[in-house]
C-alpha atoms as a PDB file:
ATOM      1  CA  MET A   1      46.256  -9.727 -67.948  1.00  0.00           C
ATOM      2  CA  ASN A   2      44.638 -13.177 -67.653  1.00  0.00           C
ATOM      3  CA  ARG A   3      43.218 -13.936 -64.237  1.00  0.00           C
ATOM      4  CA  LEU A   4      44.779 -16.698 -62.183  1.00  0.00           C
ATOM      5  CA  SER A   5      42.433 -19.622 -61.572  1.00  0.00           C
ATOM      6  CA  GLN A   6      41.398 -20.614 -58.071  1.00  0.00           C
ATOM      7  CA  ALA A   7      43.366 -23.856 -58.410  1.00  0.00           C
ATOM      8  CA  ARG A   8      46.503 -21.950 -59.431  1.00  0.00           C
ATOM      9  CA  LEU A   9      46.137 -19.510 -56.532  1.00  0.00           C
ATOM     10  CA  LEU A  10      45.799 -22.354 -54.033  1.00  0.00           C
ATOM     11  CA  THR A  11      48.903 -23.980 -55.496  1.00  0.00           C
ATOM     12  CA  LEU A  12      50.834 -20.715 -55.176  1.00  0.00           C
ATOM     13  CA  ALA A  13      49.612 -20.269 -51.599  1.00  0.00           C
ATOM     14  CA  GLY A  14      51.351 -23.521 -50.717  1.00  0.00           C
ATOM     15  CA  GLU A  15      54.543 -22.808 -52.671  1.00  0.00           C
ATOM     16  CA  LEU A  16      55.360 -19.222 -51.747  1.00  0.00           C
ATOM     17  CA  SER A  17      57.870 -18.510 -49.008  1.00  0.00           C
ATOM     18  CA  GLU A  18      56.973 -16.612 -45.851  1.00  0.00           C
ATOM     19  CA  ARG A  19      58.857 -13.598 -47.192  1.00  0.00           C
ATOM     20  CA  ASP A  20      56.914 -13.757 -50.462  1.00  0.00           C
ATOM     21  CA  ARG A  21      53.695 -13.767 -48.482  1.00  0.00           C
ATOM     22  CA  GLN A  22      54.770 -10.827 -46.325  1.00  0.00           C
ATOM     23  CA  ILE A  23      55.775  -8.814 -49.395  1.00  0.00           C
ATOM     24  CA  ILE A  24      52.407  -9.381 -51.086  1.00  0.00           C
ATOM     25  CA  GLU A  25      50.454  -8.590 -47.917  1.00  0.00           C
ATOM     26  CA  THR A  26      52.472  -5.410 -47.330  1.00  0.00           C
ATOM     27  CA  VAL A  27      52.011  -4.160 -50.890  1.00  0.00           C
ATOM     28  CA  MET A  28      48.319  -4.954 -50.655  1.00  0.00           C
ATOM     29  CA  ARG A  29      47.981  -3.084 -47.353  1.00  0.00           C
ATOM     30  CA  LEU A  30      49.958   0.013 -48.419  1.00  0.00           C
ATOM     31  CA  ARG A  31      48.609  -0.042 -52.008  1.00  0.00           C
ATOM     32  CA  LEU A  32      51.818   1.268 -53.620  1.00  0.00           C
ATOM     33  CA  VAL A  33      55.387   0.553 -52.470  1.00  0.00           C
ATOM     34  CA  SER A  34      58.652   1.356 -54.232  1.00  0.00           C
ATOM     35  CA  GLY A  35      61.346  -1.194 -54.951  1.00  0.00           C
ATOM     36  CA  THR A  36      63.694   0.662 -52.591  1.00  0.00           C
ATOM     37  CA  GLN A  37      61.140   0.563 -49.784  1.00  0.00           C
ATOM     38  CA  LEU A  38      60.567  -3.172 -50.255  1.00  0.00           C
ATOM     39  CA  GLU A  39      64.316  -3.767 -50.228  1.00  0.00           C
ATOM     40  CA  ARG A  40      64.606  -1.918 -46.912  1.00  0.00           C
ATOM     41  CA  LEU A  41      61.682  -3.811 -45.422  1.00  0.00           C
ATOM     42  CA  PHE A  42      62.451  -7.373 -46.467  1.00  0.00           C
ATOM     43  CA  PHE A  43      66.090  -7.692 -47.469  1.00  0.00           C
ATOM     44  CA  ALA A  44      67.943  -5.652 -44.844  1.00  0.00           C
ATOM     45  CA  ALA A  45      69.443  -8.802 -43.320  1.00  0.00           C
ATOM     46  CA  THR A  46      71.699  -9.204 -46.359  1.00  0.00           C
ATOM     47  CA  PRO A  47      74.736  -7.090 -45.399  1.00  0.00           C
ATOM     48  CA  ASN A  48      76.280  -6.496 -48.823  1.00  0.00           C
ATOM     49  CA  PRO A  49      74.392  -3.694 -50.618  1.00  0.00           C
ATOM     50  CA  ALA A  50      74.934  -5.131 -54.087  1.00  0.00           C
ATOM     51  CA  SER A  51      73.827  -8.609 -53.005  1.00  0.00           C
ATOM     52  CA  ARG A  52      70.841  -7.143 -51.176  1.00  0.00           C
ATOM     53  CA  ALA A  53      69.706  -5.184 -54.228  1.00  0.00           C
ATOM     54  CA  ARG A  54      70.200  -8.207 -56.484  1.00  0.00           C
ATOM     55  CA  LEU A  55      68.182 -10.491 -54.190  1.00  0.00           C
ATOM     56  CA  ALA A  56      65.380  -7.946 -53.923  1.00  0.00           C
ATOM     57  CA  ARG A  57      65.342  -7.480 -57.695  1.00  0.00           C
ATOM     58  CA  ARG A  58      65.122 -11.242 -58.352  1.00  0.00           C
ATOM     59  CA  THR A  59      62.416 -11.799 -55.746  1.00  0.00           C
ATOM     60  CA  LEU A  60      60.218  -8.961 -56.971  1.00  0.00           C
ATOM     61  CA  ALA A  61      60.700  -9.966 -60.612  1.00  0.00           C
ATOM     62  CA  ARG A  62      59.575 -13.498 -59.723  1.00  0.00           C
ATOM     63  CA  LEU A  63      56.426 -12.234 -57.989  1.00  0.00           C
ATOM     64  CA  VAL A  64      55.700 -10.115 -61.055  1.00  0.00           C
ATOM     65  CA  SER A  65      56.227 -13.129 -63.337  1.00  0.00           C
ATOM     66  CA  LEU A  66      53.778 -15.097 -61.152  1.00  0.00           C
ATOM     67  CA  ARG A  67      51.241 -12.278 -61.735  1.00  0.00           C
ATOM     68  CA  LEU A  68      50.885 -11.542 -58.026  1.00  0.00           C
ATOM     69  CA  LEU A  69      52.570  -8.132 -58.200  1.00  0.00           C
ATOM     70  CA  ASP A  70      52.930  -5.678 -61.044  1.00  0.00           C
ATOM     71  CA  ARG A  71      54.765  -2.395 -61.657  1.00  0.00           C
ATOM     72  CA  LEU A  72      53.469   0.991 -62.625  1.00  0.00           C
ATOM     73  CA  GLU A  73      54.564   2.202 -66.025  1.00  0.00           C
ATOM     74  CA  ARG A  74      55.935   5.394 -64.475  1.00  0.00           C
ATOM     75  CA  ARG A  75      59.147   4.989 -62.449  1.00  0.00           C
ATOM     76  CA  ILE A  76      60.417   7.237 -59.693  1.00  0.00           C
ATOM     77  CA  GLY A  77      63.917   8.660 -59.472  1.00  0.00           C
ATOM     78  CA  GLY A  78      64.582   8.867 -63.208  1.00  0.00           C
ATOM     79  CA  VAL A  79      65.704   6.312 -65.762  1.00  0.00           C
ATOM     80  CA  ARG A  80      68.923   5.503 -63.890  1.00  0.00           C
ATOM     81  CA  ALA A  81      67.019   4.330 -60.819  1.00  0.00           C
ATOM     82  CA  GLY A  82      66.723   0.817 -62.266  1.00  0.00           C
ATOM     83  CA  ALA A  83      64.576  -1.743 -60.464  1.00  0.00           C
ATOM     84  CA  ALA A  84      64.684   0.336 -57.284  1.00  0.00           C
ATOM     85  CA  GLY A  85      62.712   2.992 -59.132  1.00  0.00           C
ATOM     86  CA  HIS A  86      59.782   0.696 -59.856  1.00  0.00           C
ATOM     87  CA  VAL A  87      56.563   1.161 -57.934  1.00  0.00           C
ATOM     88  CA  TYR A  88      54.730  -2.067 -57.141  1.00  0.00           C
ATOM     89  CA  TYR A  89      51.072  -2.867 -56.567  1.00  0.00           C
ATOM     90  CA  ALA A  90      49.132  -6.064 -55.960  1.00  0.00           C
ATOM     91  CA  THR A  91      47.447  -7.598 -58.997  1.00  0.00           C
ATOM     92  CA  PRO A  92      43.966  -9.128 -58.703  1.00  0.00           C
ATOM     93  CA  GLY A  93      45.712 -12.461 -58.046  1.00  0.00           C
ATOM     94  CA  GLY A  94      47.844 -10.930 -55.303  1.00  0.00           C
ATOM     95  CA  GLN A  95      44.795  -9.238 -53.790  1.00  0.00           C
ATOM     96  CA  ARG A  96      42.862 -12.508 -53.756  1.00  0.00           C
ATOM     97  CA  LEU A  97      45.748 -14.364 -52.110  1.00  0.00           C
ATOM     98  CA  ALA A  98      46.107 -11.664 -49.454  1.00  0.00           C
ATOM     99  CA  ALA A  99      42.378 -11.956 -48.698  1.00  0.00           C
ATOM    100  CA  TYR A 100      42.690 -15.755 -48.549  1.00  0.00           C
ATOM    101  CA  TRP A 101      45.561 -15.532 -46.045  1.00  0.00           C
ATOM    102  CA  GLN A 102      43.412 -13.194 -43.927  1.00  0.00           C
ATOM    103  CA  GLY A 103      40.601 -15.738 -43.869  1.00  0.00           C
ATOM    104  CA  ASP A 104      38.334 -13.845 -46.289  1.00  0.00           C
ATOM    105  CA  GLY A 105      38.389 -16.462 -49.035  1.00  0.00           C
ATOM    106  CA  LEU A 106      39.457 -16.064 -52.653  1.00  0.00           C
ATOM    107  CA  ARG A 107      37.112 -13.150 -53.241  1.00  0.00           C
ATOM    108  CA  ARG A 108      36.982 -11.077 -56.401  1.00  0.00           C
ATOM    109  CA  ALA A 109      39.500  -8.262 -56.764  1.00  0.00           C
ATOM    110  CA  ARG A 110      39.795  -5.073 -58.763  1.00  0.00           C
ATOM    111  CA  SER A 111      42.083  -4.780 -61.753  1.00  0.00           C
ATOM    112  CA  GLY A 112      45.014  -2.398 -61.618  1.00  0.00           C
ATOM    113  CA  TYR A 113      45.195   1.031 -63.206  1.00  0.00           C
ATOM    114  CA  GLU A 114      47.804   3.728 -63.749  1.00  0.00           C
ATOM    115  CA  PRO A 115      47.159   6.352 -61.037  1.00  0.00           C
ATOM    116  CA  MET A 116      48.016  10.021 -61.248  1.00  0.00           C
ATOM    117  CA  ALA A 117      51.507  11.113 -60.231  1.00  0.00           C
ATOM    118  CA  SER A 118      50.120  13.041 -57.244  1.00  0.00           C
ATOM    119  CA  PHE A 119      48.420   9.909 -55.912  1.00  0.00           C
ATOM    120  CA  VAL A 120      51.613   7.876 -56.338  1.00  0.00           C
ATOM    121  CA  ARG A 121      53.693  10.462 -54.487  1.00  0.00           C
ATOM    122  CA  HIS A 122      51.189  10.697 -51.649  1.00  0.00           C
ATOM    123  CA  THR A 123      50.808   6.930 -51.250  1.00  0.00           C
ATOM    124  CA  LEU A 124      54.566   6.383 -51.278  1.00  0.00           C
ATOM    125  CA  GLY A 125      54.811   9.015 -48.545  1.00  0.00           C
ATOM    126  CA  ILE A 126      52.491   6.928 -46.374  1.00  0.00           C
ATOM    127  CA  ALA A 127      54.561   3.829 -47.165  1.00  0.00           C
ATOM    128  CA  GLU A 128      57.762   5.682 -46.215  1.00  0.00           C
ATOM    129  CA  SER A 129      56.360   6.453 -42.756  1.00  0.00           C
ATOM    130  CA  TYR A 130      55.707   2.746 -42.280  1.00  0.00           C
ATOM    131  CA  VAL A 131      59.188   1.758 -43.492  1.00  0.00           C
ATOM    132  CA  GLN A 132      60.860   4.237 -41.135  1.00  0.00           C
ATOM    133  CA  LEU A 133      58.901   2.865 -38.169  1.00  0.00           C
ATOM    134  CA  VAL A 134      59.830  -0.732 -39.048  1.00  0.00           C
ATOM    135  CA  GLU A 135      63.502   0.272 -39.275  1.00  0.00           C
ATOM    136  CA  ALA A 136      63.260   2.054 -35.916  1.00  0.00           C
ATOM    137  CA  GLU A 137      61.721  -1.049 -34.367  1.00  0.00           C
ATOM    138  CA  ARG A 138      64.575  -3.183 -35.676  1.00  0.00           C
ATOM    139  CA  ALA A 139      67.023  -0.746 -34.097  1.00  0.00           C
ATOM    140  CA  GLY A 140      65.253  -1.131 -30.752  1.00  0.00           C
ATOM    141  CA  SER A 141      64.121   2.502 -30.630  1.00  0.00           C
ATOM    142  CA  VAL A 142      60.399   1.854 -30.651  1.00  0.00           C
ATOM    143  CA  GLU A 143      57.806  -0.922 -30.697  1.00  0.00           C
ATOM    144  CA  LEU A 144      55.456  -0.678 -33.656  1.00  0.00           C
ATOM    145  CA  LEU A 145      52.116  -1.814 -32.248  1.00  0.00           C
ATOM    146  CA  ASP A 146      49.846  -0.868 -35.137  1.00  0.00           C
ATOM    147  CA  PHE A 147      49.984   0.851 -38.522  1.00  0.00           C
ATOM    148  CA  GLN A 148      46.836   1.289 -40.585  1.00  0.00           C
ATOM    149  CA  SER A 149      46.868   3.098 -43.896  1.00  0.00           C
ATOM    150  CA  GLU A 150      43.864   4.472 -45.738  1.00  0.00           C
ATOM    151  CA  PRO A 151      41.082   3.412 -46.034  1.00  0.00           C
ATOM    152  CA  THR A 152      41.504   0.987 -43.094  1.00  0.00           C
ATOM    153  CA  ALA A 153      42.478   3.912 -40.862  1.00  0.00           C
ATOM    154  CA  TRP A 154      39.247   5.794 -41.594  1.00  0.00           C
ATOM    155  CA  GLN A 155      36.745   6.000 -38.759  1.00  0.00           C
ATOM    156  CA  SER A 156      33.040   6.811 -38.811  1.00  0.00           C
ATOM    157  CA  TYR A 157      31.380   8.649 -35.952  1.00  0.00           C
ATOM    158  CA  SER A 158      28.237  10.547 -35.006  1.00  0.00           C
ATOM    159  CA  GLY A 159      28.434  14.269 -35.648  1.00  0.00           C
ATOM    160  CA  PRO A 160      26.054  17.099 -34.755  1.00  0.00           C
ATOM    161  CA  GLY A 161      22.420  16.013 -34.875  1.00  0.00           C
ATOM    162  CA  GLY A 162      23.454  12.368 -35.205  1.00  0.00           C
ATOM    163  CA  ALA A 163      24.814  12.772 -38.714  1.00  0.00           C
ATOM    164  CA  ARG A 164      27.218  10.014 -39.748  1.00  0.00           C
ATOM    165  CA  LEU A 165      30.623  11.510 -40.486  1.00  0.00           C
ATOM    166  CA  MET A 166      33.898   9.946 -41.592  1.00  0.00           C
ATOM    167  CA  LEU A 167      37.342  10.924 -40.326  1.00  0.00           C
ATOM    168  CA  LYS A 168      39.837  10.143 -43.095  1.00  0.00           C
ATOM    169  CA  PRO A 169      43.455  10.215 -41.897  1.00  0.00           C
ATOM    170  CA  ASP A 170      46.160   9.029 -44.268  1.00  0.00           C
ATOM    171  CA  ALA A 171      47.304   6.564 -41.595  1.00  0.00           C
ATOM    172  CA  PHE A 172      46.888   5.666 -37.934  1.00  0.00           C
ATOM    173  CA  VAL A 173      49.986   4.747 -35.911  1.00  0.00           C
ATOM    174  CA  ARG A 174      50.366   3.274 -32.439  1.00  0.00           C
ATOM    175  CA  VAL A 175      53.877   2.830 -31.056  1.00  0.00           C
ATOM    176  CA  GLY A 176      55.286   1.831 -27.690  1.00  0.00           C
ATOM    177  CA  VAL A 177      58.097   4.134 -26.637  1.00  0.00           C
ATOM    178  CA  SER A 178      58.646   2.542 -23.204  1.00  0.00           C
ATOM    179  CA  ALA A 179      57.210  -0.202 -21.025  1.00  0.00           C
ATOM    180  CA  GLU A 180      54.596   2.222 -19.683  1.00  0.00           C
ATOM    181  CA  GLU A 181      54.048   4.672 -22.522  1.00  0.00           C
ATOM    182  CA  GLU A 182      52.642   4.508 -26.021  1.00  0.00           C
ATOM    183  CA  GLU A 183      52.032   7.158 -28.633  1.00  0.00           C
ATOM    184  CA  ARG A 184      49.045   7.287 -30.978  1.00  0.00           C
ATOM    185  CA  ALA A 185      48.917   9.490 -34.029  1.00  0.00           C
ATOM    186  CA  TYR A 186      46.904  10.230 -37.118  1.00  0.00           C
ATOM    187  CA  LEU A 187      49.230  10.949 -40.041  1.00  0.00           C
ATOM    188  CA  GLU A 188      48.566  13.520 -42.737  1.00  0.00           C
ATOM    189  CA  ILE A 189      51.052  13.422 -45.612  1.00  0.00           C
ATOM    190  CA  ASP A 190      51.161  16.833 -47.277  1.00  0.00           C
ATOM    191  CA  CYS A 191      52.894  16.859 -50.659  1.00  0.00           C
ATOM    192  CA  GLY A 192      52.669  20.605 -51.039  1.00  0.00           C
ATOM    193  CA  THR A 193      49.853  20.616 -53.588  1.00  0.00           C
ATOM    194  CA  GLU A 194      46.786  21.558 -51.536  1.00  0.00           C
ATOM    195  CA  GLY A 195      45.839  25.136 -50.805  1.00  0.00           C
ATOM    196  CA  ARG A 196      45.203  26.842 -47.487  1.00  0.00           C
ATOM    197  CA  ALA A 197      41.426  26.312 -47.599  1.00  0.00           C
ATOM    198  CA  ALA A 198      41.721  22.545 -48.128  1.00  0.00           C
ATOM    199  CA  LEU A 199      44.284  22.228 -45.327  1.00  0.00           C
ATOM    200  CA  ALA A 200      42.073  24.223 -42.969  1.00  0.00           C
ATOM    201  CA  ARG A 201      39.106  21.960 -43.766  1.00  0.00           C
ATOM    202  CA  LYS A 202      41.168  18.932 -42.776  1.00  0.00           C
ATOM    203  CA  CYS A 203      42.174  20.554 -39.499  1.00  0.00           C
ATOM    204  CA  ARG A 204      38.548  21.409 -38.749  1.00  0.00           C
ATOM    205  CA  ALA A 205      37.560  17.797 -39.482  1.00  0.00           C
ATOM    206  CA  TYR A 206      39.961  16.602 -36.780  1.00  0.00           C
ATOM    207  CA  LEU A 207      38.675  19.255 -34.388  1.00  0.00           C
ATOM    208  CA  MET A 208      35.110  18.047 -34.938  1.00  0.00           C
ATOM    209  CA  ALA A 209      36.125  14.414 -34.400  1.00  0.00           C
ATOM    210  CA  TRP A 210      37.929  15.355 -31.176  1.00  0.00           C
ATOM    211  CA  GLN A 211      34.894  17.236 -29.922  1.00  0.00           C
ATOM    212  CA  ALA A 212      32.716  14.212 -30.739  1.00  0.00           C
ATOM    213  CA  GLY A 213      34.888  11.963 -28.553  1.00  0.00           C
ATOM    214  CA  VAL A 214      36.498   9.904 -31.296  1.00  0.00           C
ATOM    215  CA  GLY A 215      39.380   7.863 -29.913  1.00  0.00           C
ATOM    216  CA  GLY A 216      37.994   7.664 -26.380  1.00  0.00           C
ATOM    217  CA  ALA A 217      39.851   9.231 -23.478  1.00  0.00           C
ATOM    218  CA  VAL A 218      43.021   9.907 -25.500  1.00  0.00           C
ATOM    219  CA  PHE A 219      42.649  11.465 -28.937  1.00  0.00           C
ATOM    220  CA  PRO A 220      45.624  10.618 -31.194  1.00  0.00           C
ATOM    221  CA  ARG A 221      47.905  13.489 -32.119  1.00  0.00           C
ATOM    222  CA  VAL A 222      47.516  14.738 -35.678  1.00  0.00           C
ATOM    223  CA  VAL A 223      50.984  14.713 -37.212  1.00  0.00           C
ATOM    224  CA  TRP A 224      51.309  16.708 -40.413  1.00  0.00           C
ATOM    225  CA  ILE A 225      54.351  15.587 -42.416  1.00  0.00           C
ATOM    226  CA  THR A 226      55.080  18.133 -45.122  1.00  0.00           C
ATOM    227  CA  THR A 227      57.705  18.910 -47.710  1.00  0.00           C
ATOM    228  CA  THR A 228      59.558  22.108 -46.810  1.00  0.00           C
ATOM    229  CA  GLU A 229      60.057  24.578 -43.996  1.00  0.00           C
ATOM    230  CA  ARG A 230      57.852  27.011 -45.898  1.00  0.00           C
ATOM    231  CA  ARG A 231      55.013  24.487 -45.832  1.00  0.00           C
ATOM    232  CA  VAL A 232      55.731  23.869 -42.141  1.00  0.00           C
ATOM    233  CA  ALA A 233      55.196  27.588 -41.553  1.00  0.00           C
ATOM    234  CA  LEU A 234      51.953  27.572 -43.560  1.00  0.00           C
ATOM    235  CA  LEU A 235      50.519  24.560 -41.761  1.00  0.00           C
ATOM    236  CA  THR A 236      51.631  25.908 -38.394  1.00  0.00           C
ATOM    237  CA  ALA A 237      49.743  29.127 -39.104  1.00  0.00           C
ATOM    238  CA  ILE A 238      46.641  27.182 -40.163  1.00  0.00           C
ATOM    239  CA  CYS A 239      46.714  25.024 -37.041  1.00  0.00           C
ATOM    240  CA  ALA A 240      47.239  28.140 -34.902  1.00  0.00           C
ATOM    241  CA  SER A 241      44.074  29.629 -36.411  1.00  0.00           C
ATOM    242  CA  MET A 242      42.000  26.839 -34.861  1.00  0.00           C
ATOM    243  CA  PRO A 243      40.396  27.467 -31.438  1.00  0.00           C
ATOM    244  CA  ALA A 244      43.035  27.697 -28.711  1.00  0.00           C
ATOM    245  CA  GLU A 245      42.037  24.428 -27.046  1.00  0.00           C
ATOM    246  CA  ALA A 246      42.511  22.537 -30.339  1.00  0.00           C
ATOM    247  CA  TRP A 247      46.117  23.588 -30.991  1.00  0.00           C
ATOM    248  CA  LYS A 248      47.393  20.826 -28.720  1.00  0.00           C
ATOM    249  CA  LEU A 249      46.015  18.284 -31.197  1.00  0.00           C
ATOM    250  CA  PHE A 250      48.426  19.178 -33.991  1.00  0.00           C
ATOM    251  CA  VAL A 251      52.126  18.710 -34.693  1.00  0.00           C
ATOM    252  CA  VAL A 252      53.746  19.869 -37.934  1.00  0.00           C
ATOM    253  CA  THR A 253      57.040  18.421 -39.121  1.00  0.00           C
ATOM    254  CA  THR A 254      59.093  17.298 -42.113  1.00  0.00           C
ATOM    255  CA  PRO A 255      60.006  13.734 -43.162  1.00  0.00           C
ATOM    256  CA  GLU A 256      63.472  14.110 -41.627  1.00  0.00           C
ATOM    257  CA  ARG A 257      62.017  14.830 -38.184  1.00  0.00           C
ATOM    258  CA  ALA A 258      58.850  12.748 -38.401  1.00  0.00           C
ATOM    259  CA  LEU A 259      60.255   9.649 -36.729  1.00  0.00           C
ATOM    260  CA  GLY A 260      61.263  11.588 -33.639  1.00  0.00           C
ATOM    261  CA  VAL A 261      57.781  13.066 -33.425  1.00  0.00           C
ATOM    262  CA  LEU A 262      56.089   9.681 -33.746  1.00  0.00           C
ATOM    263  CA  MET A 263      58.316   8.361 -30.959  1.00  0.00           C
ATOM    264  CA  GLY A 264      57.053  11.102 -28.707  1.00  0.00           C
ATOM    265  CA  ALA A 265      59.896  13.600 -29.099  1.00  0.00           C
ATOM    266  CA  ALA A 266      57.567  16.562 -29.529  1.00  0.00           C
ATOM    267  CA  SER A 267      60.509  18.940 -29.159  1.00  0.00           C
ATOM    268  CA  GLU A 268      61.637  17.793 -32.592  1.00  0.00           C
ATOM    269  CA  ALA A 269      58.520  19.270 -34.168  1.00  0.00           C
ATOM    270  CA  SER A 270      57.310  22.740 -34.985  1.00  0.00           C
ATOM    271  CA  ARG A 271      54.320  23.772 -32.892  1.00  0.00           C
END
C-alpha cells in the first residue's frame, strides 16, 4: 500500500466529517473493531436497520478507499456476515491523522499485518466492552468517564526492592453511576484459551500492584469477563486461592452480565 503524502493527509484532515474523524480515532484507540461494533457506535441514530447498515457500509468503504482504514483478510461470523463481518484497523495514514488530531504531528506509523485469530478475538472483546458502555451511556444508565485499552491502560510502578514493574490490564474503565459515586475497574478479557497457571499469574500481578499502592486510596476492581459458566467457576476458584484479603479485588462474570458489574451491580457477578 502506497503511503499517503503529508500534503494529502492535511487535505483529508480538512475534508473529513466529524463522524469520519471519530471513527478513525476510535479504531486507532481500540486497534481492531468490527463493522457491527462501528455501526452500533456511530450510526445508531438512523432508526431503520437496513438504512443504518447501508450508511455504515458506505462510510466505512469510503474510509477504506481513502486508505485511512483497512480490513483484515479474515472475517468474523462466516461468509454470510457481509460487511458487518469485516474487522477494521487504522492504516499508517489513519494512524498519522489520529496523531495529528491529538497534537502529536504527522509522525511515522507502523504498517498493518494480519494478526492471529486469538488476538483478533481478544481485541474485539475489549472493543465490545467499550461499545456496551457507550450504549449504556446513551440510555442514561451510566456516565462513561474514561476508557483506556491496552497499552494505554498499562501502568508502571515500583515493586519489591524498587524494581520497575508493569501492570498490564486489557482495559481501564471509570464510570459514574450516580452524582456521588463512580466505579473504577481493570478489565481482563478471558477467551478461554489460557491455562490455570497463566490465570493465577495474572491474579498475583494485580495482588502485587494493590500491595504496592497502585491506584492510590481506591484500587480499581479487577473484572474478569470470561466465556462460559465453567470458566467462571475456574476463575472463581483461582481468585479464591489468593490470600483472603485479596479476594475483594476480583469479580468474575460473563459478557451478558458484565455491564451490570461495571455499573456497580456486584450482585450480578460471581464472587
